[in-house]
N, C-alpha and C. Protein backbone atom coordinates (compact mmCIF):
# COMPACT_ATOMS: atom_id res chain seq x y z
N MET A 1 0.99 -1.30 -0.09
CA MET A 1 0.07 -0.05 0.35
C MET A 1 1.09 1.39 0.12
N THR A 2 0.53 2.11 -0.60
CA THR A 2 1.21 3.77 -0.77
C THR A 2 0.62 4.28 -0.23
N THR A 3 1.54 4.92 0.83
CA THR A 3 1.74 6.37 1.80
C THR A 3 1.44 7.25 1.63
N LEU A 4 0.73 8.21 1.18
CA LEU A 4 0.93 9.64 0.76
C LEU A 4 0.87 10.14 2.33
N ASP A 5 1.70 11.38 1.70
CA ASP A 5 1.40 12.28 2.89
C ASP A 5 1.76 13.67 2.35
N ILE A 6 0.51 14.03 1.78
CA ILE A 6 0.23 15.54 0.82
C ILE A 6 0.14 16.60 1.62
N LYS A 7 0.16 16.71 3.08
CA LYS A 7 0.41 17.79 3.94
C LYS A 7 1.07 19.01 3.84
N PRO A 8 2.33 18.45 3.08
CA PRO A 8 3.47 19.50 2.47
C PRO A 8 3.05 20.24 1.39
N GLN A 9 2.34 19.63 0.61
CA GLN A 9 1.85 20.37 -0.56
C GLN A 9 0.67 21.06 -0.36
N ILE A 10 -0.04 20.98 0.32
CA ILE A 10 -1.52 21.23 1.14
C ILE A 10 -0.67 22.62 1.61
N GLU A 11 -0.38 22.31 2.25
CA GLU A 11 0.48 23.68 3.36
C GLU A 11 1.32 24.75 2.36
N MET A 12 1.77 24.46 1.38
CA MET A 12 2.67 24.90 0.39
C MET A 12 1.54 25.86 -0.33
N LEU A 13 0.66 25.37 -1.04
CA LEU A 13 -0.58 25.88 -1.48
C LEU A 13 -1.12 26.87 -0.84
N LEU A 14 -1.40 26.60 0.05
CA LEU A 14 -2.02 27.50 1.24
C LEU A 14 -1.45 28.44 1.51
N GLU A 15 0.10 28.58 1.79
CA GLU A 15 0.92 29.67 2.02
C GLU A 15 0.78 30.84 0.74
N LYS A 16 0.69 30.17 -0.40
CA LYS A 16 0.48 31.01 -1.88
C LYS A 16 -0.93 31.65 -1.73
N GLN A 17 -1.60 30.69 -1.45
CA GLN A 17 -3.53 31.36 -1.56
C GLN A 17 -3.15 32.25 -0.31
N TRP A 18 -2.64 32.23 0.82
CA TRP A 18 -2.68 32.77 1.96
C TRP A 18 -2.07 34.33 1.93
N SER A 19 -1.36 33.91 1.10
CA SER A 19 -0.37 35.17 0.69
C SER A 19 -1.18 36.15 0.26
N ASP A 20 -1.76 35.95 -0.96
CA ASP A 20 -2.78 36.51 -1.74
C ASP A 20 -3.84 37.04 -1.31
N LEU A 21 -4.49 36.38 -0.10
CA LEU A 21 -5.75 36.68 0.68
C LEU A 21 -5.49 37.85 1.39
N ALA A 22 -4.23 37.45 2.59
CA ALA A 22 -3.64 38.91 3.04
C ALA A 22 -3.42 39.83 2.42
N ALA A 23 -3.03 39.90 1.27
CA ALA A 23 -2.55 41.28 0.44
C ALA A 23 -4.23 41.61 0.13
N THR A 24 -5.31 40.82 -0.06
CA THR A 24 -6.62 41.80 -0.58
C THR A 24 -7.32 41.88 0.54
N HIS A 25 -7.42 41.02 1.58
CA HIS A 25 -8.18 41.06 2.44
C HIS A 25 -7.71 40.72 4.03
N PRO A 26 -6.46 41.49 3.97
CA PRO A 26 -5.96 41.37 5.79
C PRO A 26 -6.44 41.11 6.70
N HIS A 27 -7.82 41.88 7.27
CA HIS A 27 -8.80 41.45 8.53
C HIS A 27 -8.84 40.00 8.18
N LEU A 28 -9.46 40.02 7.21
CA LEU A 28 -10.24 38.38 7.03
C LEU A 28 -8.83 37.12 7.26
N ALA A 29 -7.56 37.30 6.59
CA ALA A 29 -6.60 36.29 6.84
C ALA A 29 -6.22 36.20 7.91
N ALA A 30 -6.40 37.53 8.76
CA ALA A 30 -5.75 37.54 10.09
C ALA A 30 -6.98 36.55 10.76
N ALA A 31 -8.11 36.79 10.74
CA ALA A 31 -8.94 35.99 11.57
C ALA A 31 -9.12 34.48 11.20
N LEU A 32 -8.82 34.03 10.24
CA LEU A 32 -9.01 32.51 9.65
C LEU A 32 -8.13 31.96 10.27
N ASP A 33 -8.69 30.82 10.79
CA ASP A 33 -7.61 29.74 11.65
C ASP A 33 -7.16 28.60 10.13
N ARG A 34 -5.62 28.86 10.22
CA ARG A 34 -5.34 27.85 9.27
C ARG A 34 -5.38 26.69 9.11
N ARG A 35 -5.34 25.99 10.71
CA ARG A 35 -5.57 24.76 10.75
C ARG A 35 -7.14 24.09 10.34
N MET A 36 -8.01 25.06 10.37
CA MET A 36 -9.81 24.89 10.14
C MET A 36 -9.85 24.85 8.56
N VAL A 37 -8.58 25.62 7.89
CA VAL A 37 -8.64 25.70 6.56
C VAL A 37 -8.21 24.33 5.96
N MET A 38 -6.77 23.79 6.75
CA MET A 38 -6.16 22.82 6.01
C MET A 38 -7.54 21.67 6.69
N GLY A 39 -7.96 21.68 7.37
CA GLY A 39 -8.93 20.79 7.78
C GLY A 39 -10.35 20.66 6.28
N ALA A 40 -10.56 21.45 6.01
CA ALA A 40 -11.54 21.66 5.39
C ALA A 40 -11.21 21.17 3.90
N VAL A 41 -9.89 21.29 3.56
CA VAL A 41 -9.40 20.59 2.43
C VAL A 41 -9.01 19.17 2.23
N VAL A 42 -8.60 18.89 3.31
CA VAL A 42 -8.40 17.17 3.80
C VAL A 42 -10.00 16.77 3.72
N TYR A 43 -11.09 17.40 4.50
CA TYR A 43 -12.31 16.98 4.20
C TYR A 43 -12.79 17.15 2.71
N GLU A 44 -12.58 18.09 1.76
CA GLU A 44 -13.17 18.01 0.60
C GLU A 44 -12.14 16.88 -0.49
N LEU A 45 -10.63 16.79 -0.31
CA LEU A 45 -10.15 15.69 -0.65
C LEU A 45 -10.55 14.35 -0.62
N ALA A 46 -11.24 14.08 0.65
CA ALA A 46 -11.47 12.84 0.94
C ALA A 46 -12.94 12.46 0.28
N ARG A 47 -13.70 13.87 0.27
CA ARG A 47 -15.28 13.54 -0.35
C ARG A 47 -14.80 13.73 -2.17
N ASP A 48 -13.84 14.25 -2.75
CA ASP A 48 -13.88 14.26 -4.28
C ASP A 48 -13.78 13.07 -4.93
N PRO A 49 -14.66 12.72 -6.05
CA PRO A 49 -14.46 11.01 -6.34
C PRO A 49 -13.34 11.25 -7.51
N ALA A 50 -13.21 12.25 -7.91
CA ALA A 50 -11.86 12.48 -9.21
C ALA A 50 -10.65 12.26 -8.29
N TYR A 51 -10.41 12.43 -6.94
CA TYR A 51 -9.16 12.33 -6.61
C TYR A 51 -8.99 11.03 -6.12
N GLN A 52 -9.92 10.26 -5.25
CA GLN A 52 -10.09 9.28 -4.67
C GLN A 52 -10.23 8.43 -6.04
N GLU A 53 -10.42 8.14 -7.05
CA GLU A 53 -10.21 7.29 -7.88
C GLU A 53 -8.64 7.05 -8.52
N SER A 54 -7.86 8.45 -9.08
CA SER A 54 -6.68 8.59 -9.10
C SER A 54 -6.16 8.20 -7.72
N LEU A 55 -6.18 8.10 -6.33
CA LEU A 55 -5.09 7.91 -5.87
C LEU A 55 -5.17 6.23 -5.35
N ALA A 56 -6.69 5.94 -6.03
CA ALA A 56 -6.92 4.35 -5.98
C ALA A 56 -6.25 4.06 -6.90
N ARG A 57 -6.18 4.25 -8.29
CA ARG A 57 -5.50 3.80 -9.37
C ARG A 57 -3.85 3.78 -9.02
N ALA A 58 -3.44 5.07 -8.78
CA ALA A 58 -2.17 5.13 -7.92
C ALA A 58 -1.47 3.99 -7.48
N GLU A 59 -2.29 3.64 -6.29
CA GLU A 59 -1.80 2.45 -5.63
C GLU A 59 -1.93 0.96 -6.37
N ALA A 60 -3.04 1.04 -7.17
CA ALA A 60 -3.38 -0.31 -8.18
C ALA A 60 -1.89 -0.74 -8.75
N VAL A 61 -1.55 0.47 -9.18
CA VAL A 61 -0.14 0.27 -10.40
C VAL A 61 1.05 0.34 -9.58
N GLY A 62 0.86 0.55 -8.39
CA GLY A 62 2.11 0.73 -7.46
C GLY A 62 3.05 1.66 -7.85
N GLN A 63 2.33 2.76 -8.02
CA GLN A 63 3.27 4.09 -7.96
C GLN A 63 3.79 4.27 -6.78
N THR A 64 4.97 4.79 -6.85
CA THR A 64 5.80 5.37 -5.76
C THR A 64 4.77 6.55 -5.26
N ALA A 65 5.50 7.23 -3.75
CA ALA A 65 4.50 8.05 -3.20
C ALA A 65 4.62 9.12 -3.46
N SER A 66 6.34 9.44 -4.33
CA SER A 66 6.59 10.49 -4.63
C SER A 66 5.88 10.87 -6.07
N ILE A 67 6.29 9.97 -6.92
CA ILE A 67 4.74 10.00 -8.08
C ILE A 67 3.57 10.18 -8.33
N ALA A 68 2.89 9.37 -7.27
CA ALA A 68 1.69 9.44 -6.87
C ALA A 68 1.40 10.68 -6.66
N THR A 69 2.23 11.51 -5.74
CA THR A 69 1.45 13.04 -4.93
C THR A 69 1.96 14.01 -6.18
N GLN A 70 2.81 13.59 -7.31
CA GLN A 70 3.21 14.92 -8.03
C GLN A 70 1.93 14.39 -9.35
N THR A 71 1.32 13.46 -9.54
CA THR A 71 0.35 13.34 -10.16
C THR A 71 -1.21 13.57 -9.81
N LEU A 72 -1.01 13.36 -8.34
CA LEU A 72 -2.23 14.41 -7.48
C LEU A 72 -2.28 15.70 -7.41
N LEU A 73 -0.96 16.23 -7.26
CA LEU A 73 -0.97 17.55 -7.15
C LEU A 73 -2.10 18.68 -8.00
N PRO A 74 -2.34 18.50 -9.30
CA PRO A 74 -2.84 19.11 -10.16
C PRO A 74 -4.43 19.57 -8.97
N MET A 75 -5.01 18.25 -8.61
CA MET A 75 -6.28 17.79 -7.86
C MET A 75 -6.38 18.67 -6.58
N VAL A 76 -5.20 18.41 -5.96
CA VAL A 76 -5.07 19.11 -4.61
C VAL A 76 -5.14 20.51 -4.81
N GLU A 77 -4.60 21.31 -5.89
CA GLU A 77 -4.39 22.63 -6.32
C GLU A 77 -6.11 22.93 -6.52
N ARG A 78 -6.59 22.16 -7.23
CA ARG A 78 -8.21 22.52 -7.56
C ARG A 78 -8.94 22.68 -6.16
N ILE A 79 -8.43 21.93 -5.22
CA ILE A 79 -9.36 21.63 -3.91
C ILE A 79 -9.14 23.12 -3.30
N VAL A 80 -7.92 23.02 -3.19
CA VAL A 80 -7.22 24.16 -2.15
C VAL A 80 -8.20 25.28 -2.81
N ASP A 81 -7.54 25.80 -3.95
CA ASP A 81 -8.81 26.84 -4.55
C ASP A 81 -10.10 26.88 -4.05
N ARG A 82 -10.80 25.93 -4.14
CA ARG A 82 -12.04 26.02 -4.31
C ARG A 82 -12.51 26.25 -2.48
N VAL A 83 -11.77 25.32 -1.92
CA VAL A 83 -11.71 25.95 -0.24
C VAL A 83 -11.55 27.60 -0.03
N MET A 84 -10.41 27.68 -0.58
CA MET A 84 -10.07 29.23 -0.38
C MET A 84 -11.48 30.27 -0.74
N LYS A 85 -12.08 29.84 -1.94
CA LYS A 85 -13.17 30.73 -2.49
C LYS A 85 -14.25 31.00 -1.58
N LEU A 86 -14.37 29.46 -0.69
CA LEU A 86 -15.40 29.94 0.44
C LEU A 86 -15.27 30.77 1.53
N PHE A 87 -14.15 31.04 1.52
CA PHE A 87 -13.55 32.37 2.53
C PHE A 87 -13.88 33.92 2.60
N LEU A 88 -13.67 33.95 0.37
CA LEU A 88 -13.73 35.00 -0.13
C LEU A 88 -14.91 36.01 0.26
N PRO A 89 -15.25 37.11 0.58
CA PRO A 89 -16.81 37.62 0.33
C PRO A 89 -16.83 38.34 -0.85
């Protein structure tokens, strides 16, 4: 079984989004809890059928964790974007 730790990639993507958010909505960025946003991203990934299918496919073909992570990164980016847009006014 391939074990993926995508948390560093999520954190990297959130950091960029957070910088953009702080530049346009500094008070909102200061008020949001990053752990809560991270939890929302993880929750959405768990619910996303395309992500889950790709994860299962990566495991079925025996992709290494690093290759699988890179393959799944565009989906993770999409989910991070979607979650961050939930918080924008």
